[in-house]
PDB file of N, CA and C in Angstrom:
ATOM      1  N   UNK A   1       5.927  36.185  -8.212  1.00  0.00           N
ATOM      2  CA  UNK A   1       5.132  35.278  -7.743  1.00  0.00           C
ATOM      3  C   UNK A   1       5.719  34.196  -7.416  1.00  0.00           C
ATOM      4  N   UNK A   2       4.971  33.011  -6.381  1.00  0.00           N
ATOM      5  CA  UNK A   2       5.042  32.429  -6.042  1.00  0.00           C
ATOM      6  C   UNK A   2       4.828  31.080  -6.556  1.00  0.00           C
ATOM      7  N   UNK A   3       5.809  30.008  -6.831  1.00  0.00           N
ATOM      8  CA  UNK A   3       5.157  29.130  -7.627  1.00  0.00           C
ATOM      9  C   UNK A   3       4.657  28.346  -6.211  1.00  0.00           C
ATOM     10  N   UNK A   4       4.002  27.388  -7.137  1.00  0.00           N
ATOM     11  CA  UNK A   4       3.169  26.329  -6.218  1.00  0.00           C
ATOM     12  C   UNK A   4       3.589  25.057  -6.516  1.00  0.00           C
ATOM     13  N   UNK A   5       4.383  24.067  -5.548  1.00  0.00           N
ATOM     14  CA  UNK A   5       4.183  22.812  -5.739  1.00  0.00           C
ATOM     15  C   UNK A   5       3.385  21.421  -6.088  1.00  0.00           C
ATOM     16  N   UNK A   6       3.015  20.985  -5.995  1.00  0.00           N
ATOM     17  CA  UNK A   6       1.808  19.898  -6.946  1.00  0.00           C
ATOM     18  C   UNK A   6       2.291  18.303  -5.393  1.00  0.00           C
ATOM     19  N   UNK A   7       2.001  18.330  -3.956  1.00  0.00           N
ATOM     20  CA  UNK A   7       1.891  17.171  -3.716  1.00  0.00           C
ATOM     21  C   UNK A   7       1.360  16.417  -4.500  1.00  0.00           C
ATOM     22  N   UNK A   8       3.153  14.942  -3.918  1.00  0.00           N
ATOM     23  CA  UNK A   8       1.695  14.281  -4.930  1.00  0.00           C
ATOM     24  C   UNK A   8       2.161  12.505  -3.091  1.00  0.00           C
ATOM     25  N   UNK A   9       0.808  11.997  -3.715  1.00  0.00           N
ATOM     26  CA  UNK A   9       0.161  11.406  -2.456  1.00  0.00           C
ATOM     27  C   UNK A   9       1.092  10.009  -2.726  1.00  0.00           C
ATOM     28  N   UNK A  10       1.841   9.653  -2.086  1.00  0.00           N
ATOM     29  CA  UNK A  10       2.308   7.348  -1.808  1.00  0.00           C
ATOM     30  C   UNK A  10       2.366   6.736  -0.917  1.00  0.00           C
ATOM     31  N   UNK A  11       2.093   5.229  -1.367  1.00  0.00           N
ATOM     32  CA  UNK A  11       1.477   4.442  -0.193  1.00  0.00           C
ATOM     33  C   UNK A  11       3.202   3.827  -0.326  1.00  0.00           C
ATOM     34  N   UNK A  12       3.777   3.644   1.158  1.00  0.00           N
ATOM     35  CA  UNK A  12       4.491   3.049   1.619  1.00  0.00           C
ATOM     36  C   UNK A  12       4.395   2.100   1.866  1.00  0.00           C
ATOM     37  N   UNK A  13       5.019   0.970   2.069  1.00  0.00           N
ATOM     38  CA  UNK A  13       4.863  -0.976   2.762  1.00  0.00           C
ATOM     39  C   UNK A  13       5.826  -1.213   3.389  1.00  0.00           C
ATOM     40  N   UNK A  14       5.877  -1.719   4.273  1.00  0.00           N
ATOM     41  CA  UNK A  14       7.007  -2.261   5.720  1.00  0.00           C
ATOM     42  C   UNK A  14       7.074  -3.325   6.131  1.00  0.00           C
ATOM     43  N   UNK A  15       8.373  -4.335   6.261  1.00  0.00           N
ATOM     44  CA  UNK A  15       7.732  -4.660   7.207  1.00  0.00           C
ATOM     45  C   UNK A  15       8.654  -5.104   8.327  1.00  0.00           C
ATOM     46  N   UNK A  16       7.382  -4.698   9.225  1.00  0.00           N
ATOM     47  CA  UNK A  16       8.154  -4.912  10.660  1.00  0.00           C
ATOM     48  C   UNK A  16       8.736  -5.183  11.510  1.00  0.00           C
ATOM     49  N   UNK A  17       8.899  -6.135  11.029  1.00  0.00           N
ATOM     50  CA  UNK A  17      10.232  -7.461  11.611  1.00  0.00           C
ATOM     51  C   UNK A  17      12.046  -6.792  11.418  1.00  0.00           C
ATOM     52  N   UNK A  18      12.144  -6.359  10.185  1.00  0.00           N
ATOM     53  CA  UNK A  18      12.911  -6.791   9.444  1.00  0.00           C
ATOM     54  C   UNK A  18      12.777  -4.575   9.236  1.00  0.00           C
ATOM     55  N   UNK A  19      12.161  -4.274   9.510  1.00  0.00           N
ATOM     56  CA  UNK A  19      11.970  -2.975   8.996  1.00  0.00           C
ATOM     57  C   UNK A  19      12.053  -2.128   7.369  1.00  0.00           C
ATOM     58  N   UNK A  20      11.599  -3.817   6.955  1.00  0.00           N
ATOM     59  CA  UNK A  20      12.383  -3.639   5.593  1.00  0.00           C
ATOM     60  C   UNK A  20      10.517  -2.844   4.950  1.00  0.00           C
ATOM     61  N   UNK A  21      11.203  -1.926   3.677  1.00  0.00           N
ATOM     62  CA  UNK A  21      10.284  -1.174   3.056  1.00  0.00           C
ATOM     63  C   UNK A  21      10.440  -2.161   0.982  1.00  0.00           C
ATOM     64  N   UNK A  22       9.560  -2.137   1.062  1.00  0.00           N
ATOM     65  CA  UNK A  22       9.085  -2.902  -0.044  1.00  0.00           C
ATOM     66  C   UNK A  22       8.248  -2.539  -0.997  1.00  0.00           C
ATOM     67  N   UNK A  23       7.730  -1.825  -0.922  1.00  0.00           N
ATOM     68  CA  UNK A  23       7.011  -0.949  -1.766  1.00  0.00           C
ATOM     69  C   UNK A  23       6.827  -0.072  -1.425  1.00  0.00           C
ATOM     70  N   UNK A  24       6.538   1.421  -3.268  1.00  0.00           N
ATOM     71  CA  UNK A  24       6.505   2.942  -2.502  1.00  0.00           C
ATOM     72  C   UNK A  24       5.505   3.030  -4.203  1.00  0.00           C
ATOM     73  N   UNK A  25       4.062   3.051  -4.111  1.00  0.00           N
ATOM     74  CA  UNK A  25       3.095   3.238  -4.322  1.00  0.00           C
ATOM     75  C   UNK A  25       3.036   5.044  -4.949  1.00  0.00           C
ATOM     76  N   UNK A  26       2.758   5.424  -6.253  1.00  0.00           N
ATOM     77  CA  UNK A  26       2.843   6.343  -6.053  1.00  0.00           C
ATOM     78  C   UNK A  26       0.589   6.826  -6.873  1.00  0.00           C
ATOM     79  N   UNK A  27       0.181   7.349  -5.049  1.00  0.00           N
ATOM     80  CA  UNK A  27      -1.037   7.604  -5.956  1.00  0.00           C
ATOM     81  C   UNK A  27      -1.759   8.872  -6.454  1.00  0.00           C
ATOM     82  N   UNK A  28      -1.433   8.729  -7.924  1.00  0.00           N
ATOM     83  CA  UNK A  28      -2.314   9.334  -9.276  1.00  0.00           C
ATOM     84  C   UNK A  28      -3.173  10.312  -8.781  1.00  0.00           C
ATOM     85  N   UNK A  29      -2.872  11.315  -9.047  1.00  0.00           N
ATOM     86  CA  UNK A  29      -4.866  12.053  -9.159  1.00  0.00           C
ATOM     87  C   UNK A  29      -5.546  11.646  -8.246  1.00  0.00           C
ATOM     88  N   UNK A  30      -5.478  11.030  -7.050  1.00  0.00           N
ATOM     89  CA  UNK A  30      -5.272  10.673  -5.038  1.00  0.00           C
ATOM     90  C   UNK A  30      -5.586  11.116  -4.752  1.00  0.00           C
ATOM     91  N   UNK A  31      -6.266  11.419  -3.459  1.00  0.00           N
ATOM     92  CA  UNK A  31      -5.213  11.803  -2.549  1.00  0.00           C
ATOM     93  C   UNK A  31      -6.186  10.366  -1.347  1.00  0.00           C
ATOM     94  N   UNK A  32      -7.331  10.325  -1.323  1.00  0.00           N
ATOM     95  CA  UNK A  32      -7.323   9.094  -0.703  1.00  0.00           C
ATOM     96  C   UNK A  32      -7.271   7.494  -1.565  1.00  0.00           C
ATOM     97  N   UNK A  33      -7.312   6.356  -0.112  1.00  0.00           N
ATOM     98  CA  UNK A  33      -7.448   4.928  -0.858  1.00  0.00           C
ATOM     99  C   UNK A  33      -8.188   4.861  -0.751  1.00  0.00           C
ATOM    100  N   UNK A  34      -9.443   4.382  -1.026  1.00  0.00           N
ATOM    101  CA  UNK A  34     -10.630   3.470  -1.547  1.00  0.00           C
ATOM    102  C   UNK A  34      -9.898   1.981  -1.071  1.00  0.00           C
ATOM    103  N   UNK A  35     -11.462   1.078  -0.860  1.00  0.00           N
ATOM    104  CA  UNK A  35     -11.122  -0.123  -0.340  1.00  0.00           C
ATOM    105  C   UNK A  35     -10.944  -0.727  -1.865  1.00  0.00           C
ATOM    106  N   UNK A  36     -10.888  -0.329  -2.733  1.00  0.00           N
ATOM    107  CA  UNK A  36     -11.244  -0.525  -4.433  1.00  0.00           C
ATOM    108  C   UNK A  36     -10.732  -0.693  -4.842  1.00  0.00           C
ATOM    109  N   UNK A  37      -9.755   0.560  -4.867  1.00  0.00           N
ATOM    110  CA  UNK A  37      -7.904   1.295  -5.541  1.00  0.00           C
ATOM    111  C   UNK A  37      -7.341   0.244  -4.393  1.00  0.00           C
ATOM    112  N   UNK A  38      -7.059   0.268  -3.978  1.00  0.00           N
ATOM    113  CA  UNK A  38      -6.502  -0.852  -2.170  1.00  0.00           C
ATOM    114  C   UNK A  38      -6.750  -1.581  -2.723  1.00  0.00           C
ATOM    115  N   UNK A  39      -7.600  -2.769  -2.868  1.00  0.00           N
ATOM    116  CA  UNK A  39      -7.497  -4.140  -3.505  1.00  0.00           C
ATOM    117  C   UNK A  39      -6.832  -4.583  -4.841  1.00  0.00           C
ATOM    118  N   UNK A  40      -7.637  -3.623  -5.412  1.00  0.00           N
ATOM    119  CA  UNK A  40      -6.671  -3.793  -7.672  1.00  0.00           C
ATOM    120  C   UNK A  40      -5.385  -2.730  -7.464  1.00  0.00           C
ATOM    121  N   UNK A  41      -4.830  -1.855  -6.630  1.00  0.00           N
ATOM    122  CA  UNK A  41      -3.872  -1.219  -7.421  1.00  0.00           C
ATOM    123  C   UNK A  41      -2.780  -1.465  -6.059  1.00  0.00           C
ATOM    124  N   UNK A  42      -3.271  -1.506  -5.416  1.00  0.00           N
ATOM    125  CA  UNK A  42      -1.595  -0.778  -4.001  1.00  0.00           C
ATOM    126  C   UNK A  42      -1.743  -2.147  -3.737  1.00  0.00           C
ATOM    127  N   UNK A  43      -2.385  -3.177  -3.404  1.00  0.00           N
ATOM    128  CA  UNK A  43      -2.459  -4.513  -2.937  1.00  0.00           C
ATOM    129  C   UNK A  43      -1.104  -5.953  -3.721  1.00  0.00           C
ATOM    130  N   UNK A  44      -2.147  -5.040  -4.814  1.00  0.00           N
ATOM    131  CA  UNK A  44      -1.570  -6.324  -6.423  1.00  0.00           C
ATOM    132  C   UNK A  44       0.978  -6.054  -6.157  1.00  0.00           C
ATOM    133  N   UNK A  45       0.240  -4.356  -6.540  1.00  0.00           N
ATOM    134  CA  UNK A  45       2.030  -4.117  -6.258  1.00  0.00           C
ATOM    135  C   UNK A  45       2.798  -4.672  -5.286  1.00  0.00           C
ATOM    136  N   UNK A  46       1.612  -4.660  -3.622  1.00  0.00           N
ATOM    137  CA  UNK A  46       2.911  -5.744  -2.623  1.00  0.00           C
ATOM    138  C   UNK A  46       2.975  -6.979  -3.140  1.00  0.00           C
ATOM    139  N   UNK A  47       1.945  -7.652  -3.913  1.00  0.00           N
ATOM    140  CA  UNK A  47       1.948  -8.701  -3.453  1.00  0.00           C
ATOM    141  C   UNK A  47       2.694  -9.833  -4.876  1.00  0.00           C
ATOM    142  N   UNK A  48       3.281  -8.611  -5.125  1.00  0.00           N
ATOM    143  CA  UNK A  48       4.331  -9.026  -6.443  1.00  0.00           C
ATOM    144  C   UNK A  48       5.892  -8.716  -6.051  1.00  0.00           C
ATOM    145  N   UNK A  49       6.044  -7.449  -5.113  1.00  0.00           N
ATOM    146  CA  UNK A  49       7.146  -7.205  -4.901  1.00  0.00           C
ATOM    147  C   UNK A  49       7.886  -8.510  -3.727  1.00  0.00           C
ATOM    148  N   UNK A  50       6.050  -8.818  -2.587  1.00  0.00           N
ATOM    149  CA  UNK A  50       6.575  -9.952  -1.668  1.00  0.00           C
ATOM    150  C   UNK A  50       6.875 -11.312  -2.028  1.00  0.00           C
ATOM    151  N   UNK A  51       6.321 -11.721  -3.535  1.00  0.00           N
ATOM    152  CA  UNK A  51       6.838 -12.466  -4.290  1.00  0.00           C
ATOM    153  C   UNK A  51       8.170 -12.742  -4.269  1.00  0.00           C
ATOM    154  N   UNK A  52       8.307 -11.980  -5.246  1.00  0.00           N
ATOM    155  CA  UNK A  52       9.541 -11.509  -5.667  1.00  0.00           C
ATOM    156  C   UNK A  52      11.043 -11.829  -4.122  1.00  0.00           C
ATOM    157  N   UNK A  53      10.416 -12.009  -3.183  1.00  0.00           N
ATOM    158  CA  UNK A  53      11.761 -12.527  -1.813  1.00  0.00           C
ATOM    159  C   UNK A  53      11.577 -12.999  -1.294  1.00  0.00           C
ATOM    160  N   UNK A  54      10.325 -13.889  -1.524  1.00  0.00           N
ATOM    161  CA  UNK A  54      10.200 -14.865  -0.907  1.00  0.00           C
ATOM    162  C   UNK A  54       9.011 -15.810  -1.691  1.00  0.00           C
ATOM    163  N   UNK A  55       9.234 -16.499  -3.636  1.00  0.00           N
ATOM    164  CA  UNK A  55       8.523 -16.711  -3.714  1.00  0.00           C
ATOM    165  C   UNK A  55       8.097 -18.181  -3.004  1.00  0.00           C
ATOM    166  N   UNK A  56       8.323 -18.809  -2.659  1.00  0.00           N
ATOM    167  CA  UNK A  56       8.134 -20.138  -1.762  1.00  0.00           C
ATOM    168  C   UNK A  56       6.558 -19.857  -0.570  1.00  0.00           C
ATOM    169  N   UNK A  57       7.029 -18.268   0.374  1.00  0.00           N
ATOM    170  CA  UNK A  57       6.525 -18.993   1.977  1.00  0.00           C
ATOM    171  C   UNK A  57       4.494 -18.510   1.395  1.00  0.00           C
ATOM    172  N   UNK A  58       3.992 -18.694   2.236  1.00  0.00           N
ATOM    173  CA  UNK A  58       2.373 -17.996   2.083  1.00  0.00           C
ATOM    174  C   UNK A  58       2.931 -16.294   2.535  1.00  0.00           C
ATOM    175  N   UNK A  59       1.431 -15.826   2.226  1.00  0.00           N
ATOM    176  CA  UNK A  59       1.745 -13.963   2.454  1.00  0.00           C
ATOM    177  C   UNK A  59       0.340 -13.449   3.050  1.00  0.00           C
ATOM    178  N   UNK A  60       1.245 -13.117   4.489  1.00  0.00           N
ATOM    179  CA  UNK A  60      -0.041 -13.329   5.228  1.00  0.00           C
ATOM    180  C   UNK A  60       0.188 -11.109   5.860  1.00  0.00           C
ATOM    181  N   UNK A  61      -0.470 -11.068   5.211  1.00  0.00           N
ATOM    182  CA  UNK A  61      -1.094  -9.100   5.407  1.00  0.00           C
ATOM    183  C   UNK A  61      -1.798  -8.885   7.341  1.00  0.00           C
ATOM    184  N   UNK A  62      -1.686  -7.393   7.627  1.00  0.00           N
ATOM    185  CA  UNK A  62      -1.896  -7.340   8.825  1.00  0.00           C
ATOM    186  C   UNK A  62      -1.929  -6.061   8.389  1.00  0.00           C
ATOM    187  N   UNK A  63      -3.302  -5.444   8.387  1.00  0.00           N
ATOM    188  CA  UNK A  63      -3.413  -4.333   8.039  1.00  0.00           C
ATOM    189  C   UNK A  63      -3.231  -3.499  10.100  1.00  0.00           C
ATOM    190  N   UNK A  64      -2.598  -2.901   9.266  1.00  0.00           N
ATOM    191  CA  UNK A  64      -1.844  -1.995  10.772  1.00  0.00           C
ATOM    192  C   UNK A  64      -2.943  -1.230  10.637  1.00  0.00           C
ATOM    193  N   UNK A  65      -3.212  -0.551  11.853  1.00  0.00           N
ATOM    194  CA  UNK A  65      -4.375   1.348  11.950  1.00  0.00           C
ATOM    195  C   UNK A  65      -5.756   1.195  10.645  1.00  0.00           C
ATOM    196  N   UNK A  66      -5.825  -0.011  10.897  1.00  0.00           N
ATOM    197  CA  UNK A  66      -7.505  -0.456  10.167  1.00  0.00           C
ATOM    198  C   UNK A  66      -8.374   0.408  11.664  1.00  0.00           C
ATOM    199  N   UNK A  67      -9.790   1.640  10.761  1.00  0.00           N
ATOM    200  CA  UNK A  67     -10.421   1.593  11.311  1.00  0.00           C
ATOM    201  C   UNK A  67     -11.301   0.713  11.878  1.00  0.00           C
ATOM    202  N   UNK A  68     -12.134   0.968  12.836  1.00  0.00           N
ATOM    203  CA  UNK A  68     -12.913  -0.382  13.035  1.00  0.00           C
ATOM    204  C   UNK A  68     -13.923  -0.596  12.148  1.00  0.00           C
ATOM    205  N   UNK A  69     -13.957   0.338  11.203  1.00  0.00           N
ATOM    206  CA  UNK A  69     -15.607   1.344   9.590  1.00  0.00           C
ATOM    207  C   UNK A  69     -15.014   0.520   8.745  1.00  0.00           C
ATOM    208  N   UNK A  70     -13.773  -0.212   8.378  1.00  0.00           N
ATOM    209  CA  UNK A  70     -12.796  -1.232   7.405  1.00  0.00           C
ATOM    210  C   UNK A  70     -14.210  -0.711   6.860  1.00  0.00           C
ATOM    211  N   UNK A  71     -13.681  -1.258   5.298  1.00  0.00           N
ATOM    212  CA  UNK A  71     -14.210  -2.241   3.768  1.00  0.00           C
ATOM    213  C   UNK A  71     -14.317  -2.969   4.440  1.00  0.00           C
ATOM    214  N   UNK A  72     -15.701  -3.912   4.108  1.00  0.00           N
ATOM    215  CA  UNK A  72     -15.398  -6.216   4.057  1.00  0.00           C
ATOM    216  C   UNK A  72     -15.050  -5.626   3.000  1.00  0.00           C
ATOM    217  N   UNK A  73     -14.674  -5.443   2.195  1.00  0.00           N
ATOM    218  CA  UNK A  73     -13.402  -5.966   0.852  1.00  0.00           C
ATOM    219  C   UNK A  73     -11.814  -6.027   1.076  1.00  0.00           C
ATOM    220  N   UNK A  74     -12.127  -5.149   2.123  1.00  0.00           N
ATOM    221  CA  UNK A  74     -10.644  -5.338   2.387  1.00  0.00           C
ATOM    222  C   UNK A  74      -9.896  -6.806   3.623  1.00  0.00           C
ATOM    223  N   UNK A  75     -11.072  -6.874   4.304  1.00  0.00           N
ATOM    224  CA  UNK A  75     -11.071  -7.828   5.156  1.00  0.00           C
ATOM    225  C   UNK A  75     -10.586  -9.063   4.919  1.00  0.00           C
TER     226      UNK A  75
END
């Protein structure tokens, strides 16, 4: 019998300037990230991690690889 391992989906966030890893967010039981799940779950965790590193600086996010059909909620 062949054992089948379940793939786990994750979202990883990096800072391009210094290639620094910020957060790995497991996508529990989720294969795709919707605008709602991104703004409520993923983005909130990334902001918390960024605030730990630079509490005084403002945060500007550039959403790389976003398609032209990006949801209004994430703009």
